[in-house]
Every structure is written in C-alpha cells, then in structure tokens.
Amino acid sequence: MKTILTILLSLATIFAAEAKKSPAPFRVGTSMSAFKGLKNLNYDHFKEAKEAGLDCIEMSLGELLNGKLTDEQIRETLQQIQLDAQAAGIEIWSVHMPFGQEIDLSHTNEAIRSKTVDLQKKMIEYCAILQPKIVLFHPSWYLGLNEREARIAQLIRSVEELNPLVRKIGATMVIENMLGYELLRSEKYERPLCRTVEETVQIMNRMPKTVYAAVDMNHIDNPELLIEALGSRVRTVHVCDGDGRNECHYLPCNGKGDNDWNKILGALYQARYKGPFMYEVKASDIDSIEELVSCYRTLYENYLVAEGLK
C-alpha cells in the first residue's frame, strides 16, 4: 500500500508539473503587405525577414489580376518567389484568394458564381507552384437583403467544387470570418456571411469535414469566443487589432484596438492550434519585420505571466 501511495504521489507531482509547463511559442508569420507588395518578395527581403525572426508568410494573388502579366510570366514569377522563400528558410504558409463584388463564391447570380469558381480554379493552379499549406477564401461579398440562406447554399456549392482541387495540391481549404457587428451595411445591403460566432459555426457545420476555418481577429469583437466555438476547426489566423466594427488592421502592440490578447492566446492553446501567429496588419502601422516579431514576443511573455507560468 505504501508503495502504491508513493507511486500515486509521484504521478501527481509529474502531472502538476506538466500542467504548469509553458506552452511552446507560435511561429511568426505575416501577410505580404508587410513586404509592401509582390515586387518585394525576393531572396534578399526573405533573408532579412528570416534573420529578424519571421518564419512564414501569407501571399495574396490579387495583384495577378491586373492584366499586366501573361500566364507564363505569372508562373515564372511565382516559381521564383517559391524558390527564393525556400532558399531563405521562409515557408509560404497560406495564399489569400482574390475576392470582390464580382468575385463571390456565394453569389445568387449563377453566371457570377460560376465565373468566380472558374477564376479560383485558375488561382489554385498558381497555388500549386507556391506549395502552401493553406488556401484561404472569403465566404462572400456584401449581400442583398434577406438572401442569407440562398447565399449559404451557393457558398457550399462552390466550396464543394473547389475543395477537391485544393486538396489535390496538398493544401487545406479555409473560410474566413467577416466583419459584421450589425446585419445591415446600408438600406440595400447586408454584411457578408460568417459575420457572427453563431453564423460562422452554423455555416462551418454544413461544410465538408475537410474544410476548415480562418479567424480574423480584426473582424469580430472578442475573437477568442469564435476560436473557442470553432476549436480544432481553426487552421489559420489573421492577427490584427481593431474594434470589431471597422477594418482597422492595427498592430496588437500599438494600443489602438481592444482585443484581449491573453484571452486570445489562451483560446488558441485550448484549441490546440498548430499554425503560425500570422499577422495581417497595415504596412503603414509598422516600421519593420522586427516590430512584428518583438510584438509577438511581448504578447507571449505577457500571457505566460498572466497564467502564472513565469
């Protein structure tokens, strides 16, 4: 009996120590806005970013739609970016797909929806060159009045067409939550799909199980509540501060927004999130990549202190 009690006490001590163990810090990433556009995605800038502590980036393909490059030139450009990033030790973690009023996966006008799907299929071909882990889509543009259910059905239809192609290139499809603190944007328009915790969860529950979520911390008040509700369905994030009512995209450490970063980090760890701390802040809000890295380190250290882990 004494031996059993000794073993149990030893196990309890081990479990208590493990429970108090500090969680590993996340890798740090940024959208390419911090590089001030596609033209600056080259080896020298990637190397500088890596030396500053950056691990990965999110690319946007919107610039490719300006009609200035041929298909061959686009492919050559993306191949060079992928090679430069790999050589510098920067992972292309995610690709943010084009979006807009006429690029809408949920559109009830079938011609617009079909054209959007065809465009995104072409973009997925380009994504294959970059070898991202994540391909991110907006669920919709602004909606007409009283058409949310029809829009959700159209979104799911589009996702079911595109998801197999995303999986074929070895990536995961994610849907981002959108800014929507109130239903109406104007007398004629409603705010986009995935505008609240409840609506985002409802929509994700109707998606194929291999489609996941992206949480934009600038698009919703108390983003930790959305992370908690989605749990392991969260596969990537957009880190930025704001007020949940405007497209602020503030750097978390500048004090302008009202997000609670201790609660957000706690929710990410509770959800067993494995992706990077991926910033999506305005280029004008930062002076350098180093600022992004040092800001994350500050948030992480503050979280450890708040949790009694340091």
Protein backbone atom coordinates (compact mmCIF):
# COMPACT_ATOMS: atom_id res chain seq x y z
CA MET A 1 0.00 0.00 0.00
CA LYS A 2 2.81 2.38 0.90
CA THR A 3 4.47 1.68 -2.45
CA ILE A 4 1.23 2.38 -4.33
CA LEU A 5 0.74 5.68 -2.49
CA THR A 6 4.32 6.68 -3.28
CA ILE A 7 3.76 5.95 -6.98
CA LEU A 8 0.48 7.89 -7.00
CA LEU A 9 2.12 10.89 -5.32
CA SER A 10 4.96 10.80 -7.82
CA LEU A 11 2.49 10.69 -10.73
CA ALA A 12 0.51 13.57 -9.24
CA THR A 13 3.70 15.60 -8.96
CA ILE A 14 4.59 14.86 -12.58
CA PHE A 15 1.09 15.77 -13.82
CA ALA A 16 1.11 19.01 -11.83
CA ALA A 17 4.49 19.93 -13.31
CA GLU A 18 3.23 19.15 -16.81
CA ALA A 19 0.10 21.20 -16.22
CA LYS A 20 2.25 24.19 -15.34
CA LYS A 21 4.60 23.75 -18.29
CA SER A 22 4.74 26.79 -20.55
CA PRO A 23 3.18 26.21 -23.98
CA ALA A 24 5.55 26.49 -26.91
CA PRO A 25 5.53 29.85 -28.68
CA PHE A 26 3.91 30.02 -32.10
CA ARG A 27 5.90 30.62 -35.22
CA VAL A 28 5.53 34.17 -36.50
CA GLY A 29 4.24 34.99 -39.96
CA THR A 30 2.86 37.95 -41.87
CA SER A 31 0.78 38.73 -44.89
CA MET A 32 2.82 40.11 -47.76
CA SER A 33 1.54 43.64 -47.03
CA ALA A 34 4.47 43.91 -44.63
CA PHE A 35 6.73 43.46 -47.68
CA LYS A 36 4.81 46.22 -49.49
CA GLY A 37 3.70 44.09 -52.39
CA LEU A 38 4.61 41.28 -54.73
CA LYS A 39 7.62 43.09 -56.21
CA ASN A 40 9.48 42.84 -52.88
CA LEU A 41 9.07 39.10 -52.45
CA ASN A 42 12.63 38.14 -53.29
CA TYR A 43 15.52 36.32 -51.65
CA ASP A 44 17.14 39.38 -50.08
CA HIS A 45 13.96 40.53 -48.38
CA PHE A 46 13.08 36.98 -47.33
CA LYS A 47 16.56 36.54 -45.84
CA GLU A 48 16.25 39.79 -43.88
CA ALA A 49 12.86 38.71 -42.59
CA LYS A 50 14.16 35.30 -41.55
CA GLU A 51 17.07 36.87 -39.70
CA ALA A 52 14.57 39.12 -37.91
CA GLY A 53 12.72 36.03 -36.65
CA LEU A 54 9.96 35.61 -39.24
CA ASP A 55 9.10 32.03 -40.21
CA CYS A 56 6.38 32.21 -42.83
CA ILE A 57 4.20 34.42 -44.99
CA GLU A 58 0.74 34.60 -46.46
CA MET A 59 0.63 35.57 -50.10
CA SER A 60 -2.21 37.26 -51.93
CA LEU A 61 -2.83 36.65 -55.61
CA GLY A 62 -4.98 39.72 -56.19
CA GLU A 63 -2.13 41.61 -57.87
CA LEU A 64 -2.03 38.96 -60.57
CA LEU A 65 -5.45 40.04 -61.83
CA ASN A 66 -4.32 43.42 -63.16
CA GLY A 67 -3.82 42.01 -66.65
CA LYS A 68 -0.20 43.17 -66.95
CA LEU A 69 1.34 39.68 -66.91
CA THR A 70 0.83 36.74 -69.24
CA ASP A 71 0.11 33.31 -67.82
CA GLU A 72 3.70 32.29 -68.48
CA GLN A 73 5.03 35.39 -66.72
CA ILE A 74 2.80 34.75 -63.71
CA ARG A 75 4.06 31.19 -63.42
CA GLU A 76 7.68 32.29 -63.73
CA THR A 77 7.16 34.98 -61.08
CA LEU A 78 5.58 32.55 -58.62
CA GLN A 79 8.24 29.90 -59.25
CA GLN A 80 10.96 32.41 -58.44
CA ILE A 81 9.17 33.56 -55.29
CA GLN A 82 8.81 29.97 -54.12
CA LEU A 83 12.49 29.23 -54.78
CA ASP A 84 13.62 32.42 -53.03
CA ALA A 85 11.43 31.79 -49.99
CA GLN A 86 12.64 28.21 -49.71
CA ALA A 87 16.29 29.24 -50.02
CA ALA A 88 15.84 31.85 -47.27
CA GLY A 89 14.03 29.43 -44.96
CA ILE A 90 10.64 31.16 -45.21
CA GLU A 91 7.57 28.96 -45.58
CA ILE A 92 4.73 30.09 -47.82
CA TRP A 93 2.12 29.04 -45.27
CA SER A 94 -1.01 30.35 -46.93
CA VAL A 95 -2.45 32.02 -50.00
CA HIS A 96 -5.27 34.54 -49.73
CA MET A 97 -7.51 34.12 -52.76
CA PRO A 98 -8.99 37.06 -54.72
CA PHE A 99 -12.38 38.42 -53.67
CA GLY A 100 -14.75 41.24 -54.57
CA GLN A 101 -18.22 42.19 -55.68
CA GLU A 102 -17.83 40.18 -58.87
CA ILE A 103 -15.61 37.52 -57.28
CA ASP A 104 -18.10 35.96 -54.89
CA LEU A 105 -18.46 32.24 -54.18
CA SER A 106 -21.92 32.80 -52.72
CA HIS A 107 -23.48 34.89 -55.47
CA THR A 108 -27.07 34.01 -56.33
CA ASN A 109 -26.46 35.08 -59.93
CA GLU A 110 -25.25 31.75 -61.26
CA ALA A 111 -23.21 33.35 -64.05
CA ILE A 112 -21.20 35.37 -61.48
CA ARG A 113 -20.82 32.39 -59.14
CA SER A 114 -19.68 30.12 -61.97
CA LYS A 115 -17.23 32.72 -63.26
CA THR A 116 -15.86 33.09 -59.71
CA VAL A 117 -15.35 29.35 -59.39
CA ASP A 118 -13.56 29.21 -62.74
CA LEU A 119 -11.27 32.06 -61.67
CA GLN A 120 -10.49 30.37 -58.36
CA LYS A 121 -9.70 27.12 -60.16
CA LYS A 122 -7.08 29.01 -62.15
CA MET A 123 -5.74 30.55 -58.93
CA ILE A 124 -5.46 27.08 -57.39
CA GLU A 125 -3.23 26.10 -60.32
CA TYR A 126 -0.98 29.02 -59.39
CA CYS A 127 -1.13 27.99 -55.73
CA ALA A 128 0.32 24.62 -56.67
CA ILE A 129 3.52 26.41 -57.68
CA LEU A 130 3.82 28.04 -54.24
CA GLN A 131 3.09 24.81 -52.31
CA PRO A 132 1.10 26.46 -49.47
CA LYS A 133 -0.37 24.56 -46.54
CA ILE A 134 -3.50 26.73 -46.53
CA VAL A 135 -5.67 28.27 -49.26
CA LEU A 136 -7.96 30.95 -47.80
CA PHE A 137 -11.28 32.15 -49.23
CA HIS A 138 -13.75 34.85 -48.26
CA PRO A 139 -17.26 33.38 -47.94
CA SER A 140 -18.97 36.28 -49.71
CA TRP A 141 -19.07 39.95 -50.60
CA TYR A 142 -21.92 42.10 -49.23
CA LEU A 143 -25.36 40.52 -49.62
CA GLY A 144 -28.69 41.76 -50.84
CA LEU A 145 -31.49 41.92 -48.30
CA ASN A 146 -32.99 38.66 -46.97
CA GLU A 147 -30.91 36.28 -49.09
CA ARG A 148 -28.55 34.79 -46.49
CA GLU A 149 -29.86 31.23 -46.71
CA ALA A 150 -29.64 31.24 -50.52
CA ARG A 151 -26.13 32.67 -50.26
CA ILE A 152 -25.04 29.98 -47.80
CA ALA A 153 -26.32 27.29 -50.18
CA GLN A 154 -24.37 28.84 -53.07
CA LEU A 155 -21.23 29.12 -50.95
CA ILE A 156 -21.41 25.45 -50.01
CA ARG A 157 -21.93 24.53 -53.66
CA SER A 158 -18.80 26.48 -54.65
CA VAL A 159 -16.76 25.03 -51.80
CA GLU A 160 -17.70 21.50 -52.81
CA GLU A 161 -16.40 22.23 -56.31
CA LEU A 162 -13.13 23.80 -55.19
CA ASN A 163 -12.18 21.76 -52.13
CA PRO A 164 -11.13 18.63 -54.06
CA LEU A 165 -8.78 20.77 -56.18
CA VAL A 166 -7.27 22.41 -53.09
CA ARG A 167 -6.72 19.00 -51.51
CA LYS A 168 -5.21 17.70 -54.75
CA ILE A 169 -2.34 20.22 -54.46
CA GLY A 170 -1.73 19.11 -50.87
CA ALA A 171 -3.33 22.12 -49.17
CA THR A 172 -6.26 22.74 -46.83
CA MET A 173 -9.17 24.99 -47.75
CA VAL A 174 -10.23 27.52 -45.10
CA ILE A 175 -13.09 30.03 -44.90
CA GLU A 176 -12.53 33.35 -43.15
CA ASN A 177 -14.99 35.06 -40.81
CA MET A 178 -16.07 38.51 -41.99
CA LEU A 179 -16.77 41.89 -40.40
CA GLY A 180 -20.41 42.03 -39.34
CA TYR A 181 -21.12 43.57 -35.95
CA GLU A 182 -24.58 44.51 -37.26
CA LEU A 183 -26.64 42.92 -40.02
CA LEU A 184 -27.20 45.91 -42.28
CA ARG A 185 -24.46 47.76 -44.06
CA SER A 186 -26.98 50.09 -45.69
CA GLU A 187 -30.64 50.16 -46.70
CA LYS A 188 -29.80 47.90 -49.65
CA TYR A 189 -27.06 45.61 -48.38
CA GLU A 190 -26.42 43.14 -45.58
CA ARG A 191 -22.96 42.37 -44.28
CA PRO A 192 -21.11 39.26 -45.53
CA LEU A 193 -21.56 35.66 -44.47
CA CYS A 194 -19.72 34.36 -41.37
CA ARG A 195 -20.35 37.66 -39.60
CA THR A 196 -21.01 36.29 -36.07
CA VAL A 197 -19.88 33.36 -33.92
CA GLU A 198 -23.24 31.64 -34.34
CA GLU A 199 -23.45 32.08 -38.11
CA THR A 200 -19.84 31.03 -38.67
CA VAL A 201 -20.31 27.84 -36.65
CA GLN A 202 -23.59 27.11 -38.42
CA ILE A 203 -22.00 27.50 -41.85
CA MET A 204 -18.89 25.50 -40.95
CA ASN A 205 -21.08 22.67 -39.67
CA ARG A 206 -22.59 22.42 -43.16
CA MET A 207 -19.22 22.36 -44.90
CA PRO A 208 -17.31 19.20 -45.87
CA LYS A 209 -15.29 17.98 -42.87
CA THR A 210 -12.05 18.65 -44.76
CA VAL A 211 -12.81 22.38 -44.96
CA TYR A 212 -11.62 24.45 -42.01
CA ALA A 213 -11.79 27.98 -40.64
CA ALA A 214 -9.61 31.07 -40.56
CA VAL A 215 -10.20 33.51 -37.71
CA ASP A 216 -9.61 37.18 -38.47
CA MET A 217 -9.17 38.95 -35.12
CA ASN A 218 -10.00 42.31 -36.66
CA HIS A 219 -13.43 41.23 -37.91
CA ILE A 220 -15.19 40.46 -34.65
CA ASP A 221 -15.46 41.61 -31.05
CA ASN A 222 -13.88 39.14 -28.60
CA PRO A 223 -12.32 36.88 -31.25
CA GLU A 224 -11.40 34.39 -28.53
CA LEU A 225 -15.10 33.43 -28.42
CA LEU A 226 -15.03 32.45 -32.09
CA ILE A 227 -11.81 30.48 -31.58
CA GLU A 228 -13.37 28.66 -28.62
CA ALA A 229 -16.53 27.87 -30.60
CA LEU A 230 -14.62 26.55 -33.63
CA GLY A 231 -11.98 24.67 -31.62
CA SER A 232 -9.80 22.37 -33.73
CA ARG A 233 -11.53 23.63 -36.87
CA VAL A 234 -9.29 26.74 -36.70
CA ARG A 235 -6.37 26.11 -39.04
CA THR A 236 -5.02 29.62 -39.56
CA VAL A 237 -5.50 33.16 -38.25
CA HIS A 238 -5.19 36.80 -39.22
CA VAL A 239 -3.61 38.63 -36.32
CA CYS A 240 -4.55 42.29 -36.06
CA ASP A 241 -6.19 44.53 -33.51
CA GLY A 242 -9.33 46.54 -34.00
CA ASP A 243 -12.71 47.45 -32.62
CA GLY A 244 -14.83 44.77 -34.32
CA ARG A 245 -16.60 47.47 -36.33
CA ASN A 246 -14.06 48.69 -38.86
CA GLU A 247 -11.25 47.29 -41.00
CA CYS A 248 -8.56 48.61 -38.63
CA HIS A 249 -5.75 46.05 -39.04
CA TYR A 250 -3.79 47.59 -36.18
CA LEU A 251 -0.59 46.10 -34.82
CA PRO A 252 -1.61 44.50 -31.49
CA CYS A 253 1.11 46.31 -29.54
CA ASN A 254 0.23 49.85 -30.57
CA GLY A 255 -2.64 50.13 -28.11
CA LYS A 256 -5.27 51.28 -30.61
CA GLY A 257 -7.50 48.19 -30.59
CA ASP A 258 -9.46 46.49 -27.83
CA ASN A 259 -8.63 42.80 -28.25
CA ASP A 260 -7.64 40.88 -25.10
CA TRP A 261 -4.50 39.10 -26.24
CA ASN A 262 -4.14 36.95 -23.11
CA LYS A 263 -7.62 35.52 -23.76
CA ILE A 264 -6.87 35.09 -27.48
CA LEU A 265 -3.63 33.20 -26.85
CA GLY A 266 -5.36 31.10 -24.21
CA ALA A 267 -8.11 30.19 -26.68
CA LEU A 268 -5.58 29.25 -29.36
CA TYR A 269 -3.72 26.96 -26.97
CA GLN A 270 -7.00 25.47 -25.73
CA ALA A 271 -7.96 24.75 -29.36
CA ARG A 272 -4.57 23.08 -29.86
CA TYR A 273 -3.85 25.47 -32.71
CA LYS A 274 -0.73 24.45 -34.65
CA GLY A 275 -0.47 27.20 -37.23
CA PRO A 276 1.60 30.38 -37.11
CA PHE A 277 0.79 33.71 -35.46
CA MET A 278 0.02 35.19 -38.86
CA TYR A 279 -0.16 38.98 -38.88
CA GLU A 280 -2.40 40.86 -41.28
CA VAL A 281 -1.63 44.47 -40.36
CA LYS A 282 -1.45 47.63 -42.43
CA ALA A 283 2.03 48.27 -43.81
CA SER A 284 1.72 51.84 -42.52
CA ASP A 285 1.25 50.52 -38.98
CA ILE A 286 4.76 49.02 -38.74
CA ASP A 287 8.31 50.18 -39.42
CA SER A 288 9.93 46.76 -39.90
CA ILE A 289 9.51 42.99 -39.71
CA GLU A 290 11.42 43.12 -36.41
CA GLU A 291 8.49 45.03 -34.94
CA LEU A 292 6.13 42.16 -35.74
CA VAL A 293 8.42 39.63 -34.09
CA SER A 294 9.08 41.73 -30.98
CA CYS A 295 5.36 42.42 -30.60
CA TYR A 296 4.58 38.70 -30.60
CA ARG A 297 7.31 38.03 -28.05
CA THR A 298 5.79 40.70 -25.81
CA LEU A 299 2.30 39.19 -26.14
CA TYR A 300 3.67 35.71 -25.40
CA GLU A 301 5.60 36.85 -22.34
CA ASN A 302 2.55 38.74 -21.05
CA TYR A 303 0.45 35.61 -21.47
CA LEU A 304 2.93 33.48 -19.52
CA VAL A 305 2.93 36.00 -16.68
CA ALA A 306 -0.87 36.22 -16.66
CA GLU A 307 -1.11 32.41 -16.47
CA GLY A 308 1.43 32.20 -13.67
CA LEU A 309 3.85 30.35 -15.91
CA LYS A 310 6.65 32.86 -15.44
